[in-house]
Amino acid sequence: MKIRTLLFFVLLTATLGLVSFTIPKNIKKKVSKEIKKTFSVEDFTLTNVIVPDSINTQLKEKIREDHLLKISSNDTVLGFAFIDKAPSKTDEFDYLVLLDKDLIVAKTKILVYREDYGGEIGSRRWLKQFIGKTSKDKLQYEKDIIAISGATISASSMTIAVNNFLQDLNILHQNKVL
């Protein structure tokens, strides 16, 4: 009976959205490293960008509280960091999109890949294809973003995830969230 009650509570809280994915320390450390390299800074602050529910409902993918961050140094906005998960063949991978202050993709990075196959999407050479993309771009796998043999699902998933985020940028910018 206790197990059934516990299972019901877990399902109920997950359904109601009371359980949320927070960014683990190891991922925050990787994000910090990428920000330092990309923006050539040692000292910076990260501030959560809160997306109001009224705007979040308009987005292709709801942005959770600590997944969109403003990057600042000496009271100057350097850009933004977006951290999320995307599906692979049997699991998920964590990825990062860094935007400059003009909302142009400065870097993408696979933070954690949990599959035995398809890890090639983490290569800098493949991820460079996203650099320079903006909310005006509509990315298509195998057209705008080259395919990777052996990583079809993950590469397609990353393309869709970045594309959805770029489209959501338009809505966030129009509503003065960014």
N, C-alpha and C. Protein backbone atom coordinates (compact mmCIF):
# COMPACT_ATOMS: atom_id res chain seq x y z
N MET A 1 0.82 -1.19 0.00
CA MET A 1 0.00 0.00 0.00
C MET A 1 0.86 1.25 0.00
N LYS A 2 1.97 1.25 0.79
CA LYS A 2 2.85 2.41 0.85
C LYS A 2 3.48 2.70 -0.51
N ILE A 3 3.87 1.62 -1.20
CA ILE A 3 4.49 1.80 -2.52
C ILE A 3 3.48 2.40 -3.49
N ARG A 4 2.26 1.94 -3.46
CA ARG A 4 1.23 2.45 -4.35
C ARG A 4 0.98 3.93 -4.07
N THR A 5 0.94 4.31 -2.79
CA THR A 5 0.73 5.71 -2.42
C THR A 5 1.90 6.56 -2.88
N LEU A 6 3.11 6.07 -2.70
CA LEU A 6 4.30 6.80 -3.13
C LEU A 6 4.30 6.97 -4.65
N LEU A 7 3.99 5.90 -5.37
CA LEU A 7 3.93 5.96 -6.82
C LEU A 7 2.89 6.97 -7.27
N PHE A 8 1.73 6.97 -6.63
CA PHE A 8 0.68 7.93 -6.97
C PHE A 8 1.17 9.36 -6.76
N PHE A 9 1.86 9.61 -5.63
CA PHE A 9 2.36 10.95 -5.32
C PHE A 9 3.40 11.39 -6.37
N VAL A 10 4.31 10.49 -6.74
CA VAL A 10 5.32 10.81 -7.74
C VAL A 10 4.67 11.14 -9.07
N LEU A 11 3.71 10.33 -9.49
CA LEU A 11 3.01 10.60 -10.75
C LEU A 11 2.22 11.90 -10.69
N LEU A 12 1.58 12.17 -9.58
CA LEU A 12 0.81 13.39 -9.43
C LEU A 12 1.70 14.62 -9.48
N THR A 13 2.81 14.60 -8.76
CA THR A 13 3.70 15.77 -8.75
C THR A 13 4.35 15.97 -10.10
N ALA A 14 4.70 14.89 -10.78
CA ALA A 14 5.28 15.02 -12.12
C ALA A 14 4.25 15.59 -13.09
N THR A 15 3.02 15.13 -12.98
CA THR A 15 1.95 15.62 -13.85
C THR A 15 1.67 17.09 -13.61
N LEU A 16 1.69 17.50 -12.37
CA LEU A 16 1.41 18.89 -12.04
C LEU A 16 2.61 19.80 -12.24
N GLY A 17 3.74 19.22 -12.59
CA GLY A 17 4.94 20.02 -12.83
C GLY A 17 5.64 20.46 -11.56
N LEU A 18 5.36 19.80 -10.45
CA LEU A 18 5.99 20.20 -9.20
C LEU A 18 7.42 19.67 -9.10
N VAL A 19 7.77 18.68 -9.90
CA VAL A 19 9.13 18.18 -9.94
C VAL A 19 9.79 18.83 -11.15
N SER A 20 10.90 19.53 -10.90
CA SER A 20 11.55 20.18 -12.02
C SER A 20 13.01 19.76 -12.10
N PHE A 21 13.55 19.84 -13.28
CA PHE A 21 14.94 19.49 -13.53
C PHE A 21 15.78 20.71 -13.19
N THR A 22 16.65 20.59 -12.21
CA THR A 22 17.57 21.67 -11.91
C THR A 22 18.94 21.28 -12.46
N ILE A 23 19.74 22.29 -12.72
CA ILE A 23 21.03 22.05 -13.35
C ILE A 23 22.02 21.48 -12.31
N PRO A 24 22.53 20.27 -12.55
CA PRO A 24 23.51 19.68 -11.63
C PRO A 24 24.83 20.46 -11.63
N LYS A 25 25.60 20.32 -10.55
CA LYS A 25 26.86 21.05 -10.40
C LYS A 25 27.86 20.75 -11.51
N ASN A 26 27.95 19.47 -11.92
CA ASN A 26 28.93 19.13 -12.96
C ASN A 26 28.59 19.81 -14.28
N ILE A 27 27.32 19.99 -14.56
CA ILE A 27 26.92 20.67 -15.79
C ILE A 27 27.18 22.17 -15.66
N LYS A 28 26.88 22.74 -14.49
CA LYS A 28 27.16 24.16 -14.27
C LYS A 28 28.65 24.45 -14.46
N LYS A 29 29.49 23.53 -14.02
CA LYS A 29 30.94 23.71 -14.16
C LYS A 29 31.34 23.72 -15.64
N LYS A 30 30.76 22.82 -16.43
CA LYS A 30 31.04 22.78 -17.86
C LYS A 30 30.53 24.04 -18.56
N VAL A 31 29.37 24.51 -18.14
CA VAL A 31 28.80 25.73 -18.72
C VAL A 31 29.72 26.91 -18.43
N SER A 32 30.18 27.01 -17.20
CA SER A 32 31.09 28.08 -16.80
C SER A 32 32.36 28.07 -17.64
N LYS A 33 32.91 26.91 -17.85
CA LYS A 33 34.12 26.76 -18.67
C LYS A 33 33.88 27.25 -20.10
N GLU A 34 32.75 26.87 -20.68
CA GLU A 34 32.44 27.29 -22.05
C GLU A 34 32.21 28.80 -22.15
N ILE A 35 31.59 29.37 -21.14
CA ILE A 35 31.36 30.82 -21.13
C ILE A 35 32.70 31.55 -21.09
N LYS A 36 33.60 31.09 -20.23
CA LYS A 36 34.93 31.72 -20.12
C LYS A 36 35.66 31.68 -21.46
N LYS A 37 35.62 30.52 -22.13
CA LYS A 37 36.31 30.38 -23.43
C LYS A 37 35.64 31.21 -24.51
N THR A 38 34.32 31.15 -24.58
CA THR A 38 33.60 31.80 -25.67
C THR A 38 33.64 33.32 -25.57
N PHE A 39 33.47 33.85 -24.36
CA PHE A 39 33.40 35.29 -24.18
C PHE A 39 34.72 35.89 -23.69
N SER A 40 35.75 35.07 -23.55
CA SER A 40 37.08 35.52 -23.11
C SER A 40 37.02 36.34 -21.82
N VAL A 41 36.34 35.79 -20.82
CA VAL A 41 36.22 36.46 -19.52
C VAL A 41 36.55 35.45 -18.42
N GLU A 42 37.03 35.97 -17.32
CA GLU A 42 37.26 35.13 -16.15
C GLU A 42 36.14 35.32 -15.13
N ASP A 43 35.74 36.57 -14.95
CA ASP A 43 34.71 36.88 -13.98
C ASP A 43 33.42 37.28 -14.68
N PHE A 44 32.35 36.61 -14.31
CA PHE A 44 31.04 36.91 -14.88
C PHE A 44 29.98 36.45 -13.90
N THR A 45 28.79 36.94 -14.12
CA THR A 45 27.65 36.50 -13.29
C THR A 45 26.59 35.91 -14.20
N LEU A 46 25.91 34.93 -13.66
CA LEU A 46 24.78 34.31 -14.35
C LEU A 46 23.52 34.64 -13.58
N THR A 47 22.52 35.14 -14.29
CA THR A 47 21.24 35.49 -13.68
C THR A 47 20.14 34.74 -14.42
N ASN A 48 19.26 34.09 -13.66
CA ASN A 48 18.13 33.41 -14.30
C ASN A 48 17.26 34.41 -15.05
N VAL A 49 16.89 34.04 -16.26
CA VAL A 49 15.91 34.82 -17.02
C VAL A 49 14.57 34.13 -16.78
N ILE A 50 13.68 34.84 -16.12
CA ILE A 50 12.38 34.27 -15.80
C ILE A 50 11.42 34.54 -16.96
N VAL A 51 10.87 33.47 -17.50
CA VAL A 51 9.90 33.57 -18.59
C VAL A 51 8.51 33.44 -17.97
N PRO A 52 7.70 34.51 -18.05
CA PRO A 52 6.35 34.44 -17.48
C PRO A 52 5.53 33.32 -18.13
N ASP A 53 4.62 32.73 -17.35
CA ASP A 53 3.78 31.64 -17.86
C ASP A 53 3.01 32.05 -19.11
N SER A 54 2.56 33.30 -19.16
CA SER A 54 1.79 33.78 -20.32
C SER A 54 2.61 33.72 -21.61
N ILE A 55 3.92 33.90 -21.49
CA ILE A 55 4.79 33.83 -22.66
C ILE A 55 5.25 32.39 -22.88
N ASN A 56 5.53 31.69 -21.80
CA ASN A 56 6.00 30.30 -21.90
C ASN A 56 5.00 29.42 -22.65
N THR A 57 3.71 29.70 -22.51
CA THR A 57 2.70 28.90 -23.21
C THR A 57 2.74 29.12 -24.72
N GLN A 58 3.35 30.20 -25.17
CA GLN A 58 3.46 30.50 -26.60
C GLN A 58 4.66 29.81 -27.25
N LEU A 59 5.59 29.33 -26.43
CA LEU A 59 6.83 28.76 -26.94
C LEU A 59 6.66 27.31 -27.39
N LYS A 60 7.49 26.91 -28.34
CA LYS A 60 7.48 25.51 -28.79
C LYS A 60 7.89 24.58 -27.66
N GLU A 61 8.89 25.01 -26.90
CA GLU A 61 9.38 24.24 -25.75
C GLU A 61 9.39 25.16 -24.54
N LYS A 62 8.69 24.77 -23.49
CA LYS A 62 8.64 25.58 -22.27
C LYS A 62 10.05 25.72 -21.69
N ILE A 63 10.41 26.94 -21.31
CA ILE A 63 11.72 27.20 -20.73
C ILE A 63 11.59 27.21 -19.22
N ARG A 64 12.28 26.28 -18.59
CA ARG A 64 12.24 26.16 -17.14
C ARG A 64 13.07 27.26 -16.49
N GLU A 65 12.82 27.44 -15.21
CA GLU A 65 13.37 28.57 -14.45
C GLU A 65 14.87 28.77 -14.56
N ASP A 66 15.66 27.72 -14.41
CA ASP A 66 17.11 27.91 -14.40
C ASP A 66 17.79 27.41 -15.67
N HIS A 67 17.08 27.43 -16.78
CA HIS A 67 17.64 26.94 -18.04
C HIS A 67 18.03 28.05 -19.00
N LEU A 68 17.54 29.25 -18.77
CA LEU A 68 17.92 30.39 -19.59
C LEU A 68 18.57 31.41 -18.67
N LEU A 69 19.83 31.72 -18.96
CA LEU A 69 20.61 32.56 -18.06
C LEU A 69 21.21 33.75 -18.80
N LYS A 70 21.20 34.90 -18.15
CA LYS A 70 21.86 36.09 -18.69
C LYS A 70 23.29 36.08 -18.19
N ILE A 71 24.24 36.32 -19.10
CA ILE A 71 25.66 36.35 -18.77
C ILE A 71 26.10 37.81 -18.74
N SER A 72 26.61 38.26 -17.58
CA SER A 72 27.05 39.65 -17.43
C SER A 72 28.45 39.69 -16.86
N SER A 73 29.15 40.76 -17.19
CA SER A 73 30.46 41.03 -16.61
C SER A 73 30.60 42.54 -16.45
N ASN A 74 30.91 42.98 -15.24
CA ASN A 74 31.04 44.41 -14.96
C ASN A 74 29.81 45.19 -15.42
N ASP A 75 28.63 44.72 -15.07
CA ASP A 75 27.35 45.35 -15.40
C ASP A 75 27.09 45.47 -16.90
N THR A 76 27.79 44.68 -17.71
CA THR A 76 27.58 44.66 -19.15
C THR A 76 27.07 43.29 -19.54
N VAL A 77 25.98 43.24 -20.30
CA VAL A 77 25.44 41.97 -20.76
C VAL A 77 26.32 41.45 -21.89
N LEU A 78 26.86 40.26 -21.69
CA LEU A 78 27.69 39.62 -22.71
C LEU A 78 26.86 38.75 -23.64
N GLY A 79 25.82 38.13 -23.08
CA GLY A 79 24.99 37.22 -23.86
C GLY A 79 24.09 36.40 -22.97
N PHE A 80 23.71 35.24 -23.50
CA PHE A 80 22.78 34.37 -22.80
C PHE A 80 23.21 32.92 -22.96
N ALA A 81 22.86 32.10 -21.98
CA ALA A 81 23.13 30.67 -22.02
C ALA A 81 21.81 29.93 -21.89
N PHE A 82 21.62 28.94 -22.75
CA PHE A 82 20.43 28.09 -22.68
C PHE A 82 20.89 26.65 -22.52
N ILE A 83 20.41 26.00 -21.46
CA ILE A 83 20.79 24.63 -21.14
C ILE A 83 19.52 23.79 -21.15
N ASP A 84 19.57 22.66 -21.86
CA ASP A 84 18.39 21.80 -21.89
C ASP A 84 18.81 20.38 -22.23
N LYS A 85 17.81 19.52 -22.36
CA LYS A 85 18.01 18.12 -22.73
C LYS A 85 17.29 17.88 -24.06
N ALA A 86 17.82 16.91 -24.81
CA ALA A 86 17.17 16.48 -26.05
C ALA A 86 17.25 14.96 -26.10
N PRO A 87 16.30 14.33 -26.77
CA PRO A 87 16.30 12.86 -26.81
C PRO A 87 17.33 12.30 -27.78
N SER A 88 17.93 11.18 -27.38
CA SER A 88 18.77 10.40 -28.28
C SER A 88 18.03 9.08 -28.51
N LYS A 89 18.70 8.06 -28.98
CA LYS A 89 18.00 6.83 -29.33
C LYS A 89 17.25 6.22 -28.13
N THR A 90 17.93 6.05 -27.00
CA THR A 90 17.28 5.42 -25.85
C THR A 90 17.37 6.27 -24.58
N ASP A 91 17.99 7.42 -24.65
CA ASP A 91 18.19 8.25 -23.47
C ASP A 91 18.05 9.72 -23.86
N GLU A 92 18.69 10.60 -23.12
CA GLU A 92 18.71 12.02 -23.41
C GLU A 92 20.14 12.52 -23.30
N PHE A 93 20.41 13.66 -23.93
CA PHE A 93 21.70 14.31 -23.74
C PHE A 93 21.46 15.76 -23.34
N ASP A 94 22.42 16.31 -22.59
CA ASP A 94 22.34 17.70 -22.17
C ASP A 94 23.15 18.54 -23.15
N TYR A 95 22.61 19.69 -23.51
CA TYR A 95 23.31 20.56 -24.45
C TYR A 95 23.24 22.01 -23.98
N LEU A 96 24.12 22.81 -24.55
CA LEU A 96 24.24 24.23 -24.23
C LEU A 96 24.23 25.03 -25.52
N VAL A 97 23.50 26.14 -25.51
CA VAL A 97 23.55 27.10 -26.61
C VAL A 97 23.94 28.43 -25.98
N LEU A 98 25.05 29.00 -26.45
CA LEU A 98 25.47 30.33 -26.00
C LEU A 98 25.13 31.34 -27.08
N LEU A 99 24.49 32.41 -26.66
CA LEU A 99 24.12 33.49 -27.57
C LEU A 99 24.91 34.74 -27.21
N ASP A 100 25.29 35.54 -28.21
CA ASP A 100 25.90 36.81 -27.88
C ASP A 100 24.80 37.81 -27.51
N LYS A 101 25.16 39.04 -27.22
CA LYS A 101 24.17 40.02 -26.76
C LYS A 101 23.15 40.36 -27.83
N ASP A 102 23.46 40.06 -29.11
CA ASP A 102 22.53 40.32 -30.21
C ASP A 102 21.68 39.09 -30.54
N LEU A 103 21.72 38.09 -29.67
CA LEU A 103 20.94 36.85 -29.79
C LEU A 103 21.34 36.01 -31.01
N ILE A 104 22.63 36.03 -31.30
CA ILE A 104 23.20 35.21 -32.37
C ILE A 104 23.97 34.07 -31.70
N VAL A 105 23.80 32.86 -32.22
CA VAL A 105 24.47 31.70 -31.62
C VAL A 105 25.99 31.89 -31.71
N ALA A 106 26.62 31.90 -30.54
CA ALA A 106 28.07 32.03 -30.46
C ALA A 106 28.73 30.66 -30.33
N LYS A 107 28.02 29.71 -29.73
CA LYS A 107 28.56 28.37 -29.56
C LYS A 107 27.46 27.40 -29.15
N THR A 108 27.61 26.16 -29.57
CA THR A 108 26.77 25.07 -29.06
C THR A 108 27.72 23.99 -28.54
N LYS A 109 27.25 23.27 -27.55
CA LYS A 109 28.10 22.26 -26.92
C LYS A 109 27.22 21.14 -26.38
N ILE A 110 27.65 19.91 -26.58
CA ILE A 110 27.01 18.77 -25.93
C ILE A 110 27.70 18.63 -24.58
N LEU A 111 26.94 18.77 -23.50
CA LEU A 111 27.50 18.75 -22.16
C LEU A 111 27.64 17.33 -21.62
N VAL A 112 26.60 16.54 -21.78
CA VAL A 112 26.62 15.14 -21.32
C VAL A 112 25.89 14.30 -22.37
N TYR A 113 26.60 13.28 -22.88
CA TYR A 113 26.00 12.35 -23.84
C TYR A 113 25.98 10.98 -23.20
N ARG A 114 24.83 10.34 -23.16
CA ARG A 114 24.65 9.12 -22.37
C ARG A 114 24.47 7.83 -23.19
N GLU A 115 24.80 7.86 -24.45
CA GLU A 115 24.64 6.68 -25.31
C GLU A 115 26.01 6.12 -25.69
N ASP A 116 26.02 4.85 -26.11
CA ASP A 116 27.26 4.25 -26.61
C ASP A 116 27.56 4.70 -28.03
N TYR A 117 26.51 5.01 -28.79
CA TYR A 117 26.67 5.40 -30.19
C TYR A 117 26.09 6.79 -30.41
N GLY A 118 26.62 7.49 -31.39
CA GLY A 118 26.08 8.80 -31.75
C GLY A 118 26.79 9.96 -31.10
N GLY A 119 27.81 9.70 -30.31
CA GLY A 119 28.53 10.76 -29.62
C GLY A 119 29.25 11.72 -30.55
N GLU A 120 29.27 11.39 -31.84
CA GLU A 120 29.92 12.28 -32.82
C GLU A 120 29.27 13.65 -32.88
N ILE A 121 28.03 13.76 -32.38
CA ILE A 121 27.38 15.09 -32.40
C ILE A 121 28.09 16.06 -31.47
N GLY A 122 28.94 15.54 -30.61
CA GLY A 122 29.69 16.40 -29.71
C GLY A 122 30.94 17.01 -30.34
N SER A 123 31.23 16.64 -31.58
CA SER A 123 32.44 17.15 -32.22
C SER A 123 32.29 18.65 -32.54
N ARG A 124 33.37 19.39 -32.29
CA ARG A 124 33.35 20.84 -32.57
C ARG A 124 33.05 21.10 -34.04
N ARG A 125 33.58 20.26 -34.90
CA ARG A 125 33.39 20.46 -36.34
C ARG A 125 31.90 20.43 -36.71
N TRP A 126 31.18 19.45 -36.16
CA TRP A 126 29.75 19.35 -36.48
C TRP A 126 28.97 20.47 -35.82
N LEU A 127 29.27 20.79 -34.57
CA LEU A 127 28.53 21.81 -33.82
C LEU A 127 28.76 23.22 -34.36
N LYS A 128 29.87 23.44 -35.08
CA LYS A 128 30.15 24.76 -35.65
C LYS A 128 29.06 25.20 -36.63
N GLN A 129 28.31 24.27 -37.15
CA GLN A 129 27.26 24.61 -38.12
C GLN A 129 26.18 25.53 -37.53
N PHE A 130 26.03 25.50 -36.21
CA PHE A 130 25.00 26.31 -35.56
C PHE A 130 25.47 27.73 -35.27
N ILE A 131 26.78 27.96 -35.26
CA ILE A 131 27.32 29.29 -34.96
C ILE A 131 26.85 30.29 -36.02
N GLY A 132 26.40 31.44 -35.54
CA GLY A 132 25.94 32.50 -36.43
C GLY A 132 24.45 32.44 -36.74
N LYS A 133 23.79 31.40 -36.30
CA LYS A 133 22.35 31.27 -36.56
C LYS A 133 21.57 32.22 -35.65
N THR A 134 20.43 32.68 -36.15
CA THR A 134 19.58 33.61 -35.41
C THR A 134 18.14 33.12 -35.44
N SER A 135 17.27 33.88 -34.83
CA SER A 135 15.84 33.52 -34.82
C SER A 135 15.23 33.59 -36.21
N LYS A 136 15.92 34.18 -37.15
CA LYS A 136 15.42 34.25 -38.54
C LYS A 136 15.69 32.96 -39.31
N ASP A 137 16.58 32.13 -38.78
CA ASP A 137 16.94 30.88 -39.45
C ASP A 137 15.99 29.76 -39.07
N LYS A 138 15.63 28.95 -40.06
CA LYS A 138 14.83 27.74 -39.83
C LYS A 138 15.68 26.58 -40.31
N LEU A 139 16.21 25.84 -39.36
CA LEU A 139 17.15 24.78 -39.67
C LEU A 139 16.46 23.49 -40.04
N GLN A 140 17.00 22.82 -41.07
CA GLN A 140 16.49 21.52 -41.46
C GLN A 140 17.66 20.54 -41.49
N TYR A 141 17.45 19.42 -40.81
CA TYR A 141 18.46 18.38 -40.79
C TYR A 141 18.64 17.81 -42.20
N GLU A 142 19.85 17.58 -42.60
CA GLU A 142 20.27 17.09 -43.91
C GLU A 142 20.16 18.14 -45.01
N LYS A 143 19.65 19.31 -44.69
CA LYS A 143 19.64 20.40 -45.67
C LYS A 143 20.58 21.51 -45.18
N ASP A 144 20.27 22.08 -44.03
CA ASP A 144 21.10 23.14 -43.45
C ASP A 144 22.17 22.57 -42.53
N ILE A 145 21.87 21.47 -41.90
CA ILE A 145 22.77 20.82 -40.96
C ILE A 145 23.09 19.43 -41.50
N ILE A 146 24.39 19.16 -41.70
CA ILE A 146 24.76 17.88 -42.31
C ILE A 146 24.49 16.70 -41.38
N ALA A 147 24.16 15.57 -41.99
CA ALA A 147 23.86 14.35 -41.24
C ALA A 147 25.16 13.71 -40.76
N ILE A 148 25.02 12.88 -39.74
CA ILE A 148 26.16 12.12 -39.24
C ILE A 148 25.76 10.65 -39.26
N SER A 149 26.52 9.84 -39.99
CA SER A 149 26.26 8.41 -40.04
C SER A 149 26.49 7.82 -38.65
N GLY A 150 25.52 7.07 -38.15
CA GLY A 150 25.63 6.46 -36.83
C GLY A 150 25.10 7.33 -35.71
N ALA A 151 24.71 8.56 -36.06
CA ALA A 151 24.17 9.47 -35.04
C ALA A 151 22.93 10.17 -35.57
N THR A 152 22.21 9.48 -36.43
CA THR A 152 21.06 10.09 -37.09
C THR A 152 20.03 10.64 -36.11
N ILE A 153 19.65 9.87 -35.12
CA ILE A 153 18.62 10.30 -34.17
C ILE A 153 19.11 11.48 -33.34
N SER A 154 20.32 11.38 -32.80
CA SER A 154 20.86 12.44 -31.95
C SER A 154 21.12 13.71 -32.74
N ALA A 155 21.67 13.59 -33.94
CA ALA A 155 21.94 14.77 -34.76
C ALA A 155 20.65 15.46 -35.17
N SER A 156 19.66 14.67 -35.55
CA SER A 156 18.35 15.23 -35.89
C SER A 156 17.71 15.89 -34.67
N SER A 157 17.82 15.24 -33.54
CA SER A 157 17.25 15.77 -32.30
C SER A 157 17.91 17.09 -31.90
N MET A 158 19.23 17.18 -32.03
CA MET A 158 19.94 18.42 -31.71
C MET A 158 19.51 19.53 -32.67
N THR A 159 19.37 19.21 -33.92
CA THR A 159 18.93 20.20 -34.91
C THR A 159 17.54 20.71 -34.57
N ILE A 160 16.63 19.82 -34.23
CA ILE A 160 15.26 20.21 -33.86
C ILE A 160 15.28 21.06 -32.60
N ALA A 161 16.07 20.65 -31.61
CA ALA A 161 16.14 21.39 -30.34
C ALA A 161 16.65 22.81 -30.55
N VAL A 162 17.73 22.96 -31.30
CA VAL A 162 18.29 24.29 -31.55
C VAL A 162 17.31 25.10 -32.39
N ASN A 163 16.71 24.48 -33.38
CA ASN A 163 15.74 25.17 -34.22
C ASN A 163 14.56 25.68 -33.40
N ASN A 164 14.03 24.84 -32.52
CA ASN A 164 12.91 25.26 -31.66
C ASN A 164 13.32 26.42 -30.77
N PHE A 165 14.52 26.35 -30.21
CA PHE A 165 15.00 27.44 -29.35
C PHE A 165 15.14 28.73 -30.15
N LEU A 166 15.68 28.65 -31.36
CA LEU A 166 15.81 29.85 -32.19
C LEU A 166 14.45 30.45 -32.50
N GLN A 167 13.46 29.62 -32.77
CA GLN A 167 12.12 30.13 -33.05
C GLN A 167 11.51 30.77 -31.79
N ASP A 168 11.79 30.18 -30.63
CA ASP A 168 11.30 30.73 -29.37
C ASP A 168 11.98 32.06 -29.04
N LEU A 169 13.21 32.25 -29.52
CA LEU A 169 13.91 33.52 -29.30
C LEU A 169 13.11 34.70 -29.84
N ASN A 170 12.50 34.49 -30.98
CA ASN A 170 11.66 35.53 -31.59
C ASN A 170 10.57 35.99 -30.61
N ILE A 171 9.87 35.04 -30.03
CA ILE A 171 8.78 35.33 -29.10
C ILE A 171 9.33 35.99 -27.84
N LEU A 172 10.45 35.49 -27.34
CA LEU A 172 11.06 36.07 -26.13
C LEU A 172 11.51 37.52 -26.39
N HIS A 173 12.06 37.75 -27.55
CA HIS A 173 12.53 39.11 -27.89
C HIS A 173 11.35 40.06 -28.10
N GLN A 174 10.33 39.61 -28.81
CA GLN A 174 9.15 40.46 -29.05
C GLN A 174 8.45 40.83 -27.75
N ASN A 175 8.48 39.94 -26.77
CA ASN A 175 7.84 40.19 -25.49
C ASN A 175 8.79 40.80 -24.46
N LYS A 176 9.96 41.24 -24.94
CA LYS A 176 10.95 41.93 -24.11
C LYS A 176 11.45 41.11 -22.91
N VAL A 177 11.46 39.79 -23.06
CA VAL A 177 12.05 38.92 -22.04
C VAL A 177 13.57 38.96 -22.19
N LEU A 178 14.03 39.04 -23.45
CA LEU A 178 15.46 39.16 -23.76
C LEU A 178 15.72 40.48 -24.45
